[in-house]
Amino acid sequence: TLQVELVRPTVFFLGLTSFVTYVPAQK
């Protein structure tokens, strides 16, 4: 479970999570 709180409603946020900077890196 990952919880994310935004500053303001952002209609494109879900799509933005497909962007490469948002992908996980194995610690």
mmCIF file of all heavy atoms, coordinates in Angstrom:
data_MODEL
# 
_entry.id   MODEL 
# 
loop_
_atom_site.group_PDB 
_atom_site.id 
_atom_site.type_symbol 
_atom_site.label_atom_id 
_atom_site.label_alt_id 
_atom_site.label_comp_id 
_atom_site.label_asym_id 
_atom_site.label_entity_id 
_atom_site.label_seq_id 
_atom_site.pdbx_PDB_ins_code 
_atom_site.Cartn_x 
_atom_site.Cartn_y 
_atom_site.Cartn_z 
_atom_site.occupancy 
_atom_site.B_iso_or_equiv 
_atom_site.pdbx_formal_charge 
_atom_site.auth_seq_id 
_atom_site.auth_comp_id 
_atom_site.auth_asym_id 
_atom_site.auth_atom_id 
_atom_site.pdbx_PDB_model_num 
ATOM 1   N N   . THR A 1 1  ? 0.824  -1.207 0.000   1.00 0.00 ? 1  THR A N   1 
ATOM 2   C CA  . THR A 1 1  ? 0.000  0.000  0.000   1.00 0.00 ? 1  THR A CA  1 
ATOM 3   C C   . THR A 1 1  ? 0.857  1.255  0.000   1.00 0.00 ? 1  THR A C   1 
ATOM 4   O O   . THR A 1 1  ? 1.670  1.470  0.891   1.00 0.00 ? 1  THR A O   1 
ATOM 5   C CB  . THR A 1 1  ? -0.936 0.039  1.226   1.00 0.00 ? 1  THR A CB  1 
ATOM 6   O OG1 . THR A 1 1  ? -1.625 -1.208 1.347   1.00 0.00 ? 1  THR A OG1 1 
ATOM 7   C CG2 . THR A 1 1  ? -1.946 1.168  1.082   1.00 0.00 ? 1  THR A CG2 1 
ATOM 8   N N   . LEU A 1 2  ? 0.671  2.089  -1.029  1.00 0.00 ? 2  LEU A N   1 
ATOM 9   C CA  . LEU A 1 2  ? 1.355  3.373  -1.124  1.00 0.00 ? 2  LEU A CA  1 
ATOM 10  C C   . LEU A 1 2  ? 0.307  4.481  -1.076  1.00 0.00 ? 2  LEU A C   1 
ATOM 11  O O   . LEU A 1 2  ? -0.643 4.470  -1.845  1.00 0.00 ? 2  LEU A O   1 
ATOM 12  C CB  . LEU A 1 2  ? 2.131  3.466  -2.448  1.00 0.00 ? 2  LEU A CB  1 
ATOM 13  C CG  . LEU A 1 2  ? 2.864  4.789  -2.701  1.00 0.00 ? 2  LEU A CG  1 
ATOM 14  C CD1 . LEU A 1 2  ? 4.065  4.923  -1.764  1.00 0.00 ? 2  LEU A CD1 1 
ATOM 15  C CD2 . LEU A 1 2  ? 3.313  4.887  -4.163  1.00 0.00 ? 2  LEU A CD2 1 
ATOM 16  N N   . GLN A 1 3  ? 0.515  5.425  -0.168  1.00 0.00 ? 3  GLN A N   1 
ATOM 17  C CA  . GLN A 1 3  ? -0.419 6.544  -0.046  1.00 0.00 ? 3  GLN A CA  1 
ATOM 18  C C   . GLN A 1 3  ? 0.278  7.838  -0.445  1.00 0.00 ? 3  GLN A C   1 
ATOM 19  O O   . GLN A 1 3  ? 1.393  8.121  -0.004  1.00 0.00 ? 3  GLN A O   1 
ATOM 20  C CB  . GLN A 1 3  ? -0.963 6.664  1.373   1.00 0.00 ? 3  GLN A CB  1 
ATOM 21  C CG  . GLN A 1 3  ? -2.089 7.682  1.504   1.00 0.00 ? 3  GLN A CG  1 
ATOM 22  C CD  . GLN A 1 3  ? -2.730 7.646  2.873   1.00 0.00 ? 3  GLN A CD  1 
ATOM 23  O OE1 . GLN A 1 3  ? -2.273 8.308  3.800   1.00 0.00 ? 3  GLN A OE1 1 
ATOM 24  N NE2 . GLN A 1 3  ? -3.778 6.850  3.028   1.00 0.00 ? 3  GLN A NE2 1 
ATOM 25  N N   . VAL A 1 4  ? -0.397 8.609  -1.287  1.00 0.00 ? 4  VAL A N   1 
ATOM 26  C CA  . VAL A 1 4  ? 0.170  9.856  -1.802  1.00 0.00 ? 4  VAL A CA  1 
ATOM 27  C C   . VAL A 1 4  ? -0.818 10.986 -1.543  1.00 0.00 ? 4  VAL A C   1 
ATOM 28  O O   . VAL A 1 4  ? -2.002 10.861 -1.873  1.00 0.00 ? 4  VAL A O   1 
ATOM 29  C CB  . VAL A 1 4  ? 0.451  9.769  -3.315  1.00 0.00 ? 4  VAL A CB  1 
ATOM 30  C CG1 . VAL A 1 4  ? 1.125  11.054 -3.815  1.00 0.00 ? 4  VAL A CG1 1 
ATOM 31  C CG2 . VAL A 1 4  ? 1.317  8.555  -3.634  1.00 0.00 ? 4  VAL A CG2 1 
ATOM 32  N N   . GLU A 1 5  ? -0.321 12.080 -0.940  1.00 0.00 ? 5  GLU A N   1 
ATOM 33  C CA  . GLU A 1 5  ? -1.159 13.250 -0.706  1.00 0.00 ? 5  GLU A CA  1 
ATOM 34  C C   . GLU A 1 5  ? -0.667 14.404 -1.572  1.00 0.00 ? 5  GLU A C   1 
ATOM 35  O O   . GLU A 1 5  ? 0.517  14.751 -1.541  1.00 0.00 ? 5  GLU A O   1 
ATOM 36  C CB  . GLU A 1 5  ? -1.125 13.659 0.774   1.00 0.00 ? 5  GLU A CB  1 
ATOM 37  C CG  . GLU A 1 5  ? -2.048 14.827 1.079   1.00 0.00 ? 5  GLU A CG  1 
ATOM 38  C CD  . GLU A 1 5  ? -2.121 15.172 2.554   1.00 0.00 ? 5  GLU A CD  1 
ATOM 39  O OE1 . GLU A 1 5  ? -1.476 14.469 3.359   1.00 0.00 ? 5  GLU A OE1 1 
ATOM 40  O OE2 . GLU A 1 5  ? -2.827 16.139 2.898   1.00 0.00 ? 5  GLU A OE2 1 
ATOM 41  N N   . LEU A 1 6  ? -1.571 14.995 -2.338  1.00 0.00 ? 6  LEU A N   1 
ATOM 42  C CA  . LEU A 1 6  ? -1.231 16.069 -3.254  1.00 0.00 ? 6  LEU A CA  1 
ATOM 43  C C   . LEU A 1 6  ? -1.431 17.445 -2.620  1.00 0.00 ? 6  LEU A C   1 
ATOM 44  O O   . LEU A 1 6  ? -2.147 17.592 -1.631  1.00 0.00 ? 6  LEU A O   1 
ATOM 45  C CB  . LEU A 1 6  ? -2.069 15.979 -4.526  1.00 0.00 ? 6  LEU A CB  1 
ATOM 46  C CG  . LEU A 1 6  ? -2.027 14.662 -5.313  1.00 0.00 ? 6  LEU A CG  1 
ATOM 47  C CD1 . LEU A 1 6  ? -2.835 14.799 -6.600  1.00 0.00 ? 6  LEU A CD1 1 
ATOM 48  C CD2 . LEU A 1 6  ? -0.596 14.243 -5.607  1.00 0.00 ? 6  LEU A CD2 1 
ATOM 49  N N   . VAL A 1 7  ? -0.809 18.433 -3.232  1.00 0.00 ? 7  VAL A N   1 
ATOM 50  C CA  . VAL A 1 7  ? -0.975 19.815 -2.795  1.00 0.00 ? 7  VAL A CA  1 
ATOM 51  C C   . VAL A 1 7  ? -2.343 20.328 -3.205  1.00 0.00 ? 7  VAL A C   1 
ATOM 52  O O   . VAL A 1 7  ? -3.016 21.044 -2.452  1.00 0.00 ? 7  VAL A O   1 
ATOM 53  C CB  . VAL A 1 7  ? 0.118  20.711 -3.411  1.00 0.00 ? 7  VAL A CB  1 
ATOM 54  C CG1 . VAL A 1 7  ? -0.089 22.174 -3.022  1.00 0.00 ? 7  VAL A CG1 1 
ATOM 55  C CG2 . VAL A 1 7  ? 1.503  20.239 -3.023  1.00 0.00 ? 7  VAL A CG2 1 
ATOM 56  N N   . ARG A 1 8  ? -2.762 19.961 -4.400  1.00 0.00 ? 8  ARG A N   1 
ATOM 57  C CA  . ARG A 1 8  ? -4.033 20.403 -4.957  1.00 0.00 ? 8  ARG A CA  1 
ATOM 58  C C   . ARG A 1 8  ? -4.502 19.330 -5.950  1.00 0.00 ? 8  ARG A C   1 
ATOM 59  O O   . ARG A 1 8  ? -3.686 18.521 -6.415  1.00 0.00 ? 8  ARG A O   1 
ATOM 60  C CB  . ARG A 1 8  ? -3.875 21.747 -5.671  1.00 0.00 ? 8  ARG A CB  1 
ATOM 61  C CG  . ARG A 1 8  ? -2.980 21.699 -6.878  1.00 0.00 ? 8  ARG A CG  1 
ATOM 62  C CD  . ARG A 1 8  ? -2.676 23.065 -7.438  1.00 0.00 ? 8  ARG A CD  1 
ATOM 63  N NE  . ARG A 1 8  ? -1.936 23.883 -6.483  1.00 0.00 ? 8  ARG A NE  1 
ATOM 64  C CZ  . ARG A 1 8  ? -0.604 23.814 -6.327  1.00 0.00 ? 8  ARG A CZ  1 
ATOM 65  N NH1 . ARG A 1 8  ? 0.112  22.965 -7.047  1.00 0.00 ? 8  ARG A NH1 1 
ATOM 66  N NH2 . ARG A 1 8  ? 0.012  24.580 -5.455  1.00 0.00 ? 8  ARG A NH2 1 
ATOM 67  N N   . PRO A 1 9  ? -5.783 19.290 -6.279  1.00 0.00 ? 9  PRO A N   1 
ATOM 68  C CA  . PRO A 1 9  ? -6.230 18.306 -7.276  1.00 0.00 ? 9  PRO A CA  1 
ATOM 69  C C   . PRO A 1 9  ? -5.438 18.466 -8.576  1.00 0.00 ? 9  PRO A C   1 
ATOM 70  O O   . PRO A 1 9  ? -5.245 19.573 -9.074  1.00 0.00 ? 9  PRO A O   1 
ATOM 71  C CB  . PRO A 1 9  ? -7.710 18.674 -7.479  1.00 0.00 ? 9  PRO A CB  1 
ATOM 72  C CG  . PRO A 1 9  ? -8.120 19.293 -6.182  1.00 0.00 ? 9  PRO A CG  1 
ATOM 73  C CD  . PRO A 1 9  ? -6.907 20.076 -5.728  1.00 0.00 ? 9  PRO A CD  1 
ATOM 74  N N   . THR A 1 10 ? -4.963 17.356 -9.090  1.00 0.00 ? 10 THR A N   1 
ATOM 75  C CA  . THR A 1 10 ? -4.132 17.357 -10.296 1.00 0.00 ? 10 THR A CA  1 
ATOM 76  C C   . THR A 1 10 ? -4.673 16.292 -11.242 1.00 0.00 ? 10 THR A C   1 
ATOM 77  O O   . THR A 1 10 ? -4.444 15.094 -11.024 1.00 0.00 ? 10 THR A O   1 
ATOM 78  C CB  . THR A 1 10 ? -2.657 17.076 -9.946  1.00 0.00 ? 10 THR A CB  1 
ATOM 79  O OG1 . THR A 1 10 ? -2.207 18.026 -8.959  1.00 0.00 ? 10 THR A OG1 1 
ATOM 80  C CG2 . THR A 1 10 ? -1.766 17.161 -11.173 1.00 0.00 ? 10 THR A CG2 1 
ATOM 81  N N   . VAL A 1 11 ? -5.384 16.733 -12.271 1.00 0.00 ? 11 VAL A N   1 
ATOM 82  C CA  . VAL A 1 11 ? -6.127 15.774 -13.097 1.00 0.00 ? 11 VAL A CA  1 
ATOM 83  C C   . VAL A 1 11 ? -5.236 14.798 -13.831 1.00 0.00 ? 11 VAL A C   1 
ATOM 84  O O   . VAL A 1 11 ? -5.654 13.686 -14.157 1.00 0.00 ? 11 VAL A O   1 
ATOM 85  C CB  . VAL A 1 11 ? -7.027 16.508 -14.115 1.00 0.00 ? 11 VAL A CB  1 
ATOM 86  C CG1 . VAL A 1 11 ? -8.102 17.293 -13.414 1.00 0.00 ? 11 VAL A CG1 1 
ATOM 87  C CG2 . VAL A 1 11 ? -6.199 17.418 -15.017 1.00 0.00 ? 11 VAL A CG2 1 
ATOM 88  N N   . PHE A 1 12 ? -3.969 15.185 -14.086 1.00 0.00 ? 12 PHE A N   1 
ATOM 89  C CA  . PHE A 1 12 ? -3.102 14.285 -14.848 1.00 0.00 ? 12 PHE A CA  1 
ATOM 90  C C   . PHE A 1 12 ? -2.152 13.489 -13.959 1.00 0.00 ? 12 PHE A C   1 
ATOM 91  O O   . PHE A 1 12 ? -1.218 12.858 -14.451 1.00 0.00 ? 12 PHE A O   1 
ATOM 92  C CB  . PHE A 1 12 ? -2.299 15.069 -15.897 1.00 0.00 ? 12 PHE A CB  1 
ATOM 93  C CG  . PHE A 1 12 ? -1.532 16.256 -15.355 1.00 0.00 ? 12 PHE A CG  1 
ATOM 94  C CD1 . PHE A 1 12 ? -0.341 16.096 -14.679 1.00 0.00 ? 12 PHE A CD1 1 
ATOM 95  C CD2 . PHE A 1 12 ? -2.020 17.542 -15.533 1.00 0.00 ? 12 PHE A CD2 1 
ATOM 96  C CE1 . PHE A 1 12 ? 0.366  17.177 -14.190 1.00 0.00 ? 12 PHE A CE1 1 
ATOM 97  C CE2 . PHE A 1 12 ? -1.328 18.639 -15.047 1.00 0.00 ? 12 PHE A CE2 1 
ATOM 98  C CZ  . PHE A 1 12 ? -0.134 18.459 -14.371 1.00 0.00 ? 12 PHE A CZ  1 
ATOM 99  N N   . PHE A 1 13 ? -2.394 13.472 -12.652 1.00 0.00 ? 13 PHE A N   1 
ATOM 100 C CA  . PHE A 1 13 ? -1.438 12.822 -11.761 1.00 0.00 ? 13 PHE A CA  1 
ATOM 101 C C   . PHE A 1 13 ? -1.304 11.326 -12.029 1.00 0.00 ? 13 PHE A C   1 
ATOM 102 O O   . PHE A 1 13 ? -0.192 10.783 -12.040 1.00 0.00 ? 13 PHE A O   1 
ATOM 103 C CB  . PHE A 1 13 ? -1.806 13.048 -10.286 1.00 0.00 ? 13 PHE A CB  1 
ATOM 104 C CG  . PHE A 1 13 ? -0.843 12.385 -9.338  1.00 0.00 ? 13 PHE A CG  1 
ATOM 105 C CD1 . PHE A 1 13 ? 0.449  12.876 -9.189  1.00 0.00 ? 13 PHE A CD1 1 
ATOM 106 C CD2 . PHE A 1 13 ? -1.208 11.246 -8.629  1.00 0.00 ? 13 PHE A CD2 1 
ATOM 107 C CE1 . PHE A 1 13 ? 1.358  12.249 -8.340  1.00 0.00 ? 13 PHE A CE1 1 
ATOM 108 C CE2 . PHE A 1 13 ? -0.304 10.621 -7.780  1.00 0.00 ? 13 PHE A CE2 1 
ATOM 109 C CZ  . PHE A 1 13 ? 0.980  11.128 -7.634  1.00 0.00 ? 13 PHE A CZ  1 
ATOM 110 N N   . LEU A 1 14 ? -2.421 10.639 -12.246 1.00 0.00 ? 14 LEU A N   1 
ATOM 111 C CA  . LEU A 1 14 ? -2.331 9.198  -12.498 1.00 0.00 ? 14 LEU A CA  1 
ATOM 112 C C   . LEU A 1 14 ? -1.486 8.914  -13.733 1.00 0.00 ? 14 LEU A C   1 
ATOM 113 O O   . LEU A 1 14 ? -0.629 8.028  -13.721 1.00 0.00 ? 14 LEU A O   1 
ATOM 114 C CB  . LEU A 1 14 ? -3.722 8.596  -12.669 1.00 0.00 ? 14 LEU A CB  1 
ATOM 115 C CG  . LEU A 1 14 ? -4.475 8.259  -11.384 1.00 0.00 ? 14 LEU A CG  1 
ATOM 116 C CD1 . LEU A 1 14 ? -5.879 7.778  -11.717 1.00 0.00 ? 14 LEU A CD1 1 
ATOM 117 C CD2 . LEU A 1 14 ? -3.731 7.198  -10.586 1.00 0.00 ? 14 LEU A CD2 1 
ATOM 118 N N   . GLY A 1 15 ? -1.722 9.660  -14.801 1.00 0.00 ? 15 GLY A N   1 
ATOM 119 C CA  . GLY A 1 15 ? -0.922 9.468  -15.998 1.00 0.00 ? 15 GLY A CA  1 
ATOM 120 C C   . GLY A 1 15 ? 0.541  9.769  -15.748 1.00 0.00 ? 15 GLY A C   1 
ATOM 121 O O   . GLY A 1 15 ? 1.428  9.116  -16.302 1.00 0.00 ? 15 GLY A O   1 
ATOM 122 N N   . LEU A 1 16 ? 0.808  10.773 -14.897 1.00 0.00 ? 16 LEU A N   1 
ATOM 123 C CA  . LEU A 1 16 ? 2.183  11.158 -14.613 1.00 0.00 ? 16 LEU A CA  1 
ATOM 124 C C   . LEU A 1 16 ? 2.956  10.029 -13.941 1.00 0.00 ? 16 LEU A C   1 
ATOM 125 O O   . LEU A 1 16 ? 4.171  9.910  -14.105 1.00 0.00 ? 16 LEU A O   1 
ATOM 126 C CB  . LEU A 1 16 ? 2.190  12.406 -13.721 1.00 0.00 ? 16 LEU A CB  1 
ATOM 127 C CG  . LEU A 1 16 ? 3.522  13.128 -13.540 1.00 0.00 ? 16 LEU A CG  1 
ATOM 128 C CD1 . LEU A 1 16 ? 4.073  13.611 -14.877 1.00 0.00 ? 16 LEU A CD1 1 
ATOM 129 C CD2 . LEU A 1 16 ? 3.355  14.302 -12.578 1.00 0.00 ? 16 LEU A CD2 1 
ATOM 130 N N   . THR A 1 17 ? 2.261  9.170  -13.203 1.00 0.00 ? 17 THR A N   1 
ATOM 131 C CA  . THR A 1 17 ? 2.961  8.078  -12.519 1.00 0.00 ? 17 THR A CA  1 
ATOM 132 C C   . THR A 1 17 ? 3.497  7.024  -13.476 1.00 0.00 ? 17 THR A C   1 
ATOM 133 O O   . THR A 1 17 ? 4.242  6.134  -13.067 1.00 0.00 ? 17 THR A O   1 
ATOM 134 C CB  . THR A 1 17 ? 2.053  7.389  -11.470 1.00 0.00 ? 17 THR A CB  1 
ATOM 135 O OG1 . THR A 1 17 ? 0.950  6.751  -12.117 1.00 0.00 ? 17 THR A OG1 1 
ATOM 136 C CG2 . THR A 1 17 ? 1.548  8.381  -10.440 1.00 0.00 ? 17 THR A CG2 1 
ATOM 137 N N   . SER A 1 18 ? 3.142  7.123  -14.755 1.00 0.00 ? 18 SER A N   1 
ATOM 138 C CA  . SER A 1 18 ? 3.746  6.219  -15.735 1.00 0.00 ? 18 SER A CA  1 
ATOM 139 C C   . SER A 1 18 ? 5.087  6.757  -16.216 1.00 0.00 ? 18 SER A C   1 
ATOM 140 O O   . SER A 1 18 ? 5.839  6.045  -16.878 1.00 0.00 ? 18 SER A O   1 
ATOM 141 C CB  . SER A 1 18 ? 2.810  6.043  -16.939 1.00 0.00 ? 18 SER A CB  1 
ATOM 142 O OG  . SER A 1 18 ? 2.710  7.243  -17.681 1.00 0.00 ? 18 SER A OG  1 
ATOM 143 N N   . PHE A 1 19 ? 5.376  8.017  -15.903 1.00 0.00 ? 19 PHE A N   1 
ATOM 144 C CA  . PHE A 1 19 ? 6.619  8.655  -16.342 1.00 0.00 ? 19 PHE A CA  1 
ATOM 145 C C   . PHE A 1 19 ? 7.805  7.996  -15.653 1.00 0.00 ? 19 PHE A C   1 
ATOM 146 O O   . PHE A 1 19 ? 7.734  7.566  -14.502 1.00 0.00 ? 19 PHE A O   1 
ATOM 147 C CB  . PHE A 1 19 ? 6.557  10.152 -16.017 1.00 0.00 ? 19 PHE A CB  1 
ATOM 148 C CG  . PHE A 1 19 ? 7.698  10.938 -16.569 1.00 0.00 ? 19 PHE A CG  1 
ATOM 149 C CD1 . PHE A 1 19 ? 8.027  10.869 -17.908 1.00 0.00 ? 19 PHE A CD1 1 
ATOM 150 C CD2 . PHE A 1 19 ? 8.451  11.757 -15.751 1.00 0.00 ? 19 PHE A CD2 1 
ATOM 151 C CE1 . PHE A 1 19 ? 9.082  11.603 -18.420 1.00 0.00 ? 19 PHE A CE1 1 
ATOM 152 C CE2 . PHE A 1 19 ? 9.507  12.489 -16.245 1.00 0.00 ? 19 PHE A CE2 1 
ATOM 153 C CZ  . PHE A 1 19 ? 9.827  12.411 -17.589 1.00 0.00 ? 19 PHE A CZ  1 
ATOM 154 N N   . VAL A 1 20 ? 8.931  7.942  -16.349 1.00 0.00 ? 20 VAL A N   1 
ATOM 155 C CA  . VAL A 1 20 ? 10.062 7.138  -15.895 1.00 0.00 ? 20 VAL A CA  1 
ATOM 156 C C   . VAL A 1 20 ? 10.591 7.576  -14.530 1.00 0.00 ? 20 VAL A C   1 
ATOM 157 O O   . VAL A 1 20 ? 11.021 6.735  -13.726 1.00 0.00 ? 20 VAL A O   1 
ATOM 158 C CB  . VAL A 1 20 ? 11.186 7.165  -16.955 1.00 0.00 ? 20 VAL A CB  1 
ATOM 159 C CG1 . VAL A 1 20 ? 11.737 8.571  -17.137 1.00 0.00 ? 20 VAL A CG1 1 
ATOM 160 C CG2 . VAL A 1 20 ? 12.297 6.203  -16.586 1.00 0.00 ? 20 VAL A CG2 1 
ATOM 161 N N   . THR A 1 21 ? 10.545 8.866  -14.205 1.00 0.00 ? 21 THR A N   1 
ATOM 162 C CA  . THR A 1 21 ? 11.064 9.309  -12.909 1.00 0.00 ? 21 THR A CA  1 
ATOM 163 C C   . THR A 1 21 ? 10.253 8.732  -11.755 1.00 0.00 ? 21 THR A C   1 
ATOM 164 O O   . THR A 1 21 ? 10.740 8.628  -10.627 1.00 0.00 ? 21 THR A O   1 
ATOM 165 C CB  . THR A 1 21 ? 11.071 10.843 -12.833 1.00 0.00 ? 21 THR A CB  1 
ATOM 166 O OG1 . THR A 1 21 ? 11.574 11.376 -14.057 1.00 0.00 ? 21 THR A OG1 1 
ATOM 167 C CG2 . THR A 1 21 ? 11.965 11.331 -11.704 1.00 0.00 ? 21 THR A CG2 1 
ATOM 168 N N   . TYR A 1 22 ? 9.019  8.331  -12.021 1.00 0.00 ? 22 TYR A N   1 
ATOM 169 C CA  . TYR A 1 22 ? 8.135  7.796  -10.995 1.00 0.00 ? 22 TYR A CA  1 
ATOM 170 C C   . TYR A 1 22 ? 8.241  6.277  -10.823 1.00 0.00 ? 22 TYR A C   1 
ATOM 171 O O   . TYR A 1 22 ? 7.592  5.717  -9.946  1.00 0.00 ? 22 TYR A O   1 
ATOM 172 C CB  . TYR A 1 22 ? 6.682  8.146  -11.332 1.00 0.00 ? 22 TYR A CB  1 
ATOM 173 C CG  . TYR A 1 22 ? 6.224  9.503  -10.843 1.00 0.00 ? 22 TYR A CG  1 
ATOM 174 C CD1 . TYR A 1 22 ? 6.486  10.660 -11.559 1.00 0.00 ? 22 TYR A CD1 1 
ATOM 175 C CD2 . TYR A 1 22 ? 5.499  9.635  -9.657  1.00 0.00 ? 22 TYR A CD2 1 
ATOM 176 C CE1 . TYR A 1 22 ? 6.048  11.906 -11.127 1.00 0.00 ? 22 TYR A CE1 1 
ATOM 177 C CE2 . TYR A 1 22 ? 5.051  10.867 -9.216  1.00 0.00 ? 22 TYR A CE2 1 
ATOM 178 C CZ  . TYR A 1 22 ? 5.330  12.006 -9.950  1.00 0.00 ? 22 TYR A CZ  1 
ATOM 179 O OH  . TYR A 1 22 ? 4.887  13.232 -9.508  1.00 0.00 ? 22 TYR A OH  1 
ATOM 180 N N   . VAL A 1 23 ? 9.013  5.597  -11.657 1.00 0.00 ? 23 VAL A N   1 
ATOM 181 C CA  . VAL A 1 23 ? 9.083  4.142  -11.521 1.00 0.00 ? 23 VAL A CA  1 
ATOM 182 C C   . VAL A 1 23 ? 9.910  3.774  -10.291 1.00 0.00 ? 23 VAL A C   1 
ATOM 183 O O   . VAL A 1 23 ? 10.743 4.560  -9.831  1.00 0.00 ? 23 VAL A O   1 
ATOM 184 C CB  . VAL A 1 23 ? 9.661  3.470  -12.785 1.00 0.00 ? 23 VAL A CB  1 
ATOM 185 C CG1 . VAL A 1 23 ? 8.867  3.864  -14.022 1.00 0.00 ? 23 VAL A CG1 1 
ATOM 186 C CG2 . VAL A 1 23 ? 11.137 3.790  -12.959 1.00 0.00 ? 23 VAL A CG2 1 
ATOM 187 N N   . PRO A 1 24 ? 9.708  2.598  -9.743  1.00 0.00 ? 24 PRO A N   1 
ATOM 188 C CA  . PRO A 1 24 ? 10.445 2.229  -8.532  1.00 0.00 ? 24 PRO A CA  1 
ATOM 189 C C   . PRO A 1 24 ? 11.894 1.865  -8.814  1.00 0.00 ? 24 PRO A C   1 
ATOM 190 O O   . PRO A 1 24 ? 12.243 1.421  -9.908  1.00 0.00 ? 24 PRO A O   1 
ATOM 191 C CB  . PRO A 1 24 ? 9.677  1.000  -8.026  1.00 0.00 ? 24 PRO A CB  1 
ATOM 192 C CG  . PRO A 1 24 ? 9.126  0.373  -9.273  1.00 0.00 ? 24 PRO A CG  1 
ATOM 193 C CD  . PRO A 1 24 ? 8.757  1.546  -10.161 1.00 0.00 ? 24 PRO A CD  1 
ATOM 194 N N   . ALA A 1 25 ? 12.728 2.098  -7.830  1.00 0.00 ? 25 ALA A N   1 
ATOM 195 C CA  . ALA A 1 25 ? 14.116 1.635  -7.868  1.00 0.00 ? 25 ALA A CA  1 
ATOM 196 C C   . ALA A 1 25 ? 14.313 0.722  -6.659  1.00 0.00 ? 25 ALA A C   1 
ATOM 197 O O   . ALA A 1 25 ? 13.866 1.037  -5.555  1.00 0.00 ? 25 ALA A O   1 
ATOM 198 C CB  . ALA A 1 25 ? 15.087 2.815  -7.808  1.00 0.00 ? 25 ALA A CB  1 
ATOM 199 N N   . GLN A 1 26 ? 14.950 -0.404 -6.881  1.00 0.00 ? 26 GLN A N   1 
ATOM 200 C CA  . GLN A 1 26 ? 15.174 -1.344 -5.775  1.00 0.00 ? 26 GLN A CA  1 
ATOM 201 C C   . GLN A 1 26 ? 16.249 -0.789 -4.849  1.00 0.00 ? 26 GLN A C   1 
ATOM 202 O O   . GLN A 1 26 ? 17.403 -0.589 -5.256  1.00 0.00 ? 26 GLN A O   1 
ATOM 203 C CB  . GLN A 1 26 ? 15.593 -2.708 -6.323  1.00 0.00 ? 26 GLN A CB  1 
ATOM 204 C CG  . GLN A 1 26 ? 15.618 -3.783 -5.248  1.00 0.00 ? 26 GLN A CG  1 
ATOM 205 C CD  . GLN A 1 26 ? 16.290 -5.060 -5.735  1.00 0.00 ? 26 GLN A CD  1 
ATOM 206 O OE1 . GLN A 1 26 ? 17.492 -5.059 -5.973  1.00 0.00 ? 26 GLN A OE1 1 
ATOM 207 N NE2 . GLN A 1 26 ? 15.516 -6.124 -5.901  1.00 0.00 ? 26 GLN A NE2 1 
ATOM 208 N N   . LYS A 1 27 ? 15.871 -0.546 -3.620  1.00 0.00 ? 27 LYS A N   1 
ATOM 209 C CA  . LYS A 1 27 ? 16.790 0.060  -2.655  1.00 0.00 ? 27 LYS A CA  1 
ATOM 210 C C   . LYS A 1 27 ? 18.067 -0.756 -2.507  1.00 0.00 ? 27 LYS A C   1 
ATOM 211 O O   . LYS A 1 27 ? 19.179 -0.202 -2.473  1.00 0.00 ? 27 LYS A O   1 
ATOM 212 C CB  . LYS A 1 27 ? 16.101 0.195  -1.301  1.00 0.00 ? 27 LYS A CB  1 
ATOM 213 C CG  . LYS A 1 27 ? 16.972 0.833  -0.229  1.00 0.00 ? 27 LYS A CG  1 
ATOM 214 C CD  . LYS A 1 27 ? 16.222 0.964  1.086   1.00 0.00 ? 27 LYS A CD  1 
ATOM 215 C CE  . LYS A 1 27 ? 17.098 1.595  2.163   1.00 0.00 ? 27 LYS A CE  1 
ATOM 216 N NZ  . LYS A 1 27 ? 16.369 1.713  3.455   1.00 0.00 ? 27 LYS A NZ  1 
# 
